[in-house]
């Protein structure tokens, strides 16, 4: 079971309390872009092996969005941080 710490509620709860909301820090392109650029924004994401920045929502709690760094190899949440906060530095071996 994946345990997710909510940075707002300051509780670590099972994954069923949360909803995955995609890759974090994806910048929306300008409205006048090519079809290829719009396709890339909608569908192309990194498929990192190791630490990966993600966006989550605490659905059955405070309801707020936050960011998490999850290790895709071990499927562990390494850290969570508030939406809008600067991205923490996480080494590949963390």
C-alpha atoms as a PDB file:
ATOM      1  CA  UNK A   1       0.000   0.000   0.000  1.00  0.00           C
ATOM      2  CA  UNK A   2       1.297   3.447  -0.917  1.00  0.00           C
ATOM      3  CA  UNK A   3       1.294   5.860   2.025  1.00  0.00           C
ATOM      4  CA  UNK A   4       0.998   9.526   1.076  1.00  0.00           C
ATOM      5  CA  UNK A   5       1.823  12.364   3.496  1.00  0.00           C
ATOM      6  CA  UNK A   6      -0.441  15.394   2.980  1.00  0.00           C
ATOM      7  CA  UNK A   7       1.626  18.578   3.467  1.00  0.00           C
ATOM      8  CA  UNK A   8      -1.484  20.518   4.523  1.00  0.00           C
ATOM      9  CA  UNK A   9      -3.157  18.068   6.947  1.00  0.00           C
ATOM     10  CA  UNK A  10       0.261  16.836   8.150  1.00  0.00           C
ATOM     11  CA  UNK A  11      -0.976  13.238   8.153  1.00  0.00           C
ATOM     12  CA  UNK A  12       0.287  10.179   6.311  1.00  0.00           C
ATOM     13  CA  UNK A  13      -2.657   8.268   4.896  1.00  0.00           C
ATOM     14  CA  UNK A  14      -3.303   5.394   2.448  1.00  0.00           C
ATOM     15  CA  UNK A  15      -3.367   6.140  -1.278  1.00  0.00           C
ATOM     16  CA  UNK A  16      -7.168   5.630  -1.450  1.00  0.00           C
ATOM     17  CA  UNK A  17      -7.561   8.996   0.325  1.00  0.00           C
ATOM     18  CA  UNK A  18      -5.908  10.749  -2.639  1.00  0.00           C
ATOM     19  CA  UNK A  19      -6.270  11.148  -6.391  1.00  0.00           C
ATOM     20  CA  UNK A  20      -3.342  11.236  -8.792  1.00  0.00           C
ATOM     21  CA  UNK A  21      -3.517  14.369 -10.962  1.00  0.00           C
ATOM     22  CA  UNK A  22      -0.664  13.883 -13.421  1.00  0.00           C
ATOM     23  CA  UNK A  23       2.878  15.083 -13.811  1.00  0.00           C
ATOM     24  CA  UNK A  24       3.762  18.196 -11.813  1.00  0.00           C
ATOM     25  CA  UNK A  25       5.210  21.429 -13.188  1.00  0.00           C
ATOM     26  CA  UNK A  26       3.832  21.035 -16.728  1.00  0.00           C
ATOM     27  CA  UNK A  27       3.554  24.519 -18.241  1.00  0.00           C
ATOM     28  CA  UNK A  28       0.512  25.227 -20.401  1.00  0.00           C
ATOM     29  CA  UNK A  29       1.542  26.599 -23.811  1.00  0.00           C
ATOM     30  CA  UNK A  30       0.439  29.904 -25.303  1.00  0.00           C
ATOM     31  CA  UNK A  31      -3.064  29.673 -26.875  1.00  0.00           C
ATOM     32  CA  UNK A  32      -1.662  30.117 -30.396  1.00  0.00           C
ATOM     33  CA  UNK A  33       0.497  27.044 -30.833  1.00  0.00           C
ATOM     34  CA  UNK A  34       0.843  24.426 -33.524  1.00  0.00           C
ATOM     35  CA  UNK A  35      -1.184  21.245 -33.403  1.00  0.00           C
ATOM     36  CA  UNK A  36       1.999  19.329 -32.628  1.00  0.00           C
ATOM     37  CA  UNK A  37       2.835  21.566 -29.649  1.00  0.00           C
ATOM     38  CA  UNK A  38      -0.728  21.196 -28.296  1.00  0.00           C
ATOM     39  CA  UNK A  39      -0.540  17.407 -28.753  1.00  0.00           C
ATOM     40  CA  UNK A  40       2.756  17.327 -26.866  1.00  0.00           C
ATOM     41  CA  UNK A  41       1.249  19.358 -24.007  1.00  0.00           C
ATOM     42  CA  UNK A  42      -1.733  17.021 -23.718  1.00  0.00           C
ATOM     43  CA  UNK A  43      -0.083  13.646 -24.171  1.00  0.00           C
ATOM     44  CA  UNK A  44       3.716  13.667 -24.007  1.00  0.00           C
ATOM     45  CA  UNK A  45       5.072  13.203 -20.498  1.00  0.00           C
ATOM     46  CA  UNK A  46       8.368  12.085 -19.063  1.00  0.00           C
ATOM     47  CA  UNK A  47       8.590   8.461 -18.084  1.00  0.00           C
ATOM     48  CA  UNK A  48      11.339   8.810 -15.533  1.00  0.00           C
ATOM     49  CA  UNK A  49      13.032   5.922 -13.814  1.00  0.00           C
ATOM     50  CA  UNK A  50      13.646   7.120 -10.283  1.00  0.00           C
ATOM     51  CA  UNK A  51      12.382  10.338  -8.664  1.00  0.00           C
ATOM     52  CA  UNK A  52       9.374  11.743 -10.521  1.00  0.00           C
ATOM     53  CA  UNK A  53       7.461  14.927  -9.650  1.00  0.00           C
ATOM     54  CA  UNK A  54       3.699  14.408  -9.523  1.00  0.00           C
ATOM     55  CA  UNK A  55       0.564  16.317  -8.625  1.00  0.00           C
ATOM     56  CA  UNK A  56      -1.913  14.822  -6.144  1.00  0.00           C
ATOM     57  CA  UNK A  57      -5.202  15.888  -4.528  1.00  0.00           C
ATOM     58  CA  UNK A  58      -6.329  14.972  -1.022  1.00  0.00           C
ATOM     59  CA  UNK A  59      -9.863  14.043  -2.066  1.00  0.00           C
ATOM     60  CA  UNK A  60     -11.138  12.586   1.226  1.00  0.00           C
ATOM     61  CA  UNK A  61      -9.476  15.186   3.419  1.00  0.00           C
ATOM     62  CA  UNK A  62      -8.672  18.847   2.908  1.00  0.00           C
ATOM     63  CA  UNK A  63      -9.395  18.651  -0.855  1.00  0.00           C
ATOM     64  CA  UNK A  64      -6.238  20.578  -1.750  1.00  0.00           C
ATOM     65  CA  UNK A  65      -3.741  19.893  -4.517  1.00  0.00           C
ATOM     66  CA  UNK A  66      -0.087  19.340  -3.660  1.00  0.00           C
ATOM     67  CA  UNK A  67       3.056  18.018  -5.315  1.00  0.00           C
ATOM     68  CA  UNK A  68       4.931  14.852  -4.487  1.00  0.00           C
ATOM     69  CA  UNK A  69       8.215  13.272  -5.486  1.00  0.00           C
ATOM     70  CA  UNK A  70       7.682   9.545  -6.000  1.00  0.00           C
ATOM     71  CA  UNK A  71      10.401   7.017  -6.783  1.00  0.00           C
ATOM     72  CA  UNK A  72       9.043   5.038  -9.740  1.00  0.00           C
ATOM     73  CA  UNK A  73      11.403   2.133  -9.039  1.00  0.00           C
ATOM     74  CA  UNK A  74      10.410   1.497  -5.409  1.00  0.00           C
ATOM     75  CA  UNK A  75       6.962   3.172  -5.703  1.00  0.00           C
ATOM     76  CA  UNK A  76       7.609   5.180  -2.534  1.00  0.00           C
ATOM     77  CA  UNK A  77       6.709   8.806  -1.914  1.00  0.00           C
ATOM     78  CA  UNK A  78      10.020  10.517  -1.103  1.00  0.00           C
ATOM     79  CA  UNK A  79       8.560  13.893  -0.141  1.00  0.00           C
ATOM     80  CA  UNK A  80       5.513  16.085  -0.589  1.00  0.00           C
ATOM     81  CA  UNK A  81       5.290  19.858  -0.779  1.00  0.00           C
ATOM     82  CA  UNK A  82       2.627  22.527  -1.158  1.00  0.00           C
ATOM     83  CA  UNK A  83       1.463  23.585  -4.604  1.00  0.00           C
ATOM     84  CA  UNK A  84       3.372  26.689  -5.628  1.00  0.00           C
ATOM     85  CA  UNK A  85       6.334  25.901  -3.378  1.00  0.00           C
ATOM     86  CA  UNK A  86       9.772  25.498  -4.894  1.00  0.00           C
ATOM     87  CA  UNK A  87      10.725  21.998  -5.975  1.00  0.00           C
ATOM     88  CA  UNK A  88      12.906  20.228  -3.391  1.00  0.00           C
ATOM     89  CA  UNK A  89      16.192  18.755  -4.552  1.00  0.00           C
ATOM     90  CA  UNK A  90      16.063  14.970  -4.487  1.00  0.00           C
ATOM     91  CA  UNK A  91      19.077  12.883  -5.509  1.00  0.00           C
ATOM     92  CA  UNK A  92      18.688   9.836  -7.721  1.00  0.00           C
ATOM     93  CA  UNK A  93      19.825   7.579  -4.900  1.00  0.00           C
ATOM     94  CA  UNK A  94      17.391   8.959  -2.323  1.00  0.00           C
END
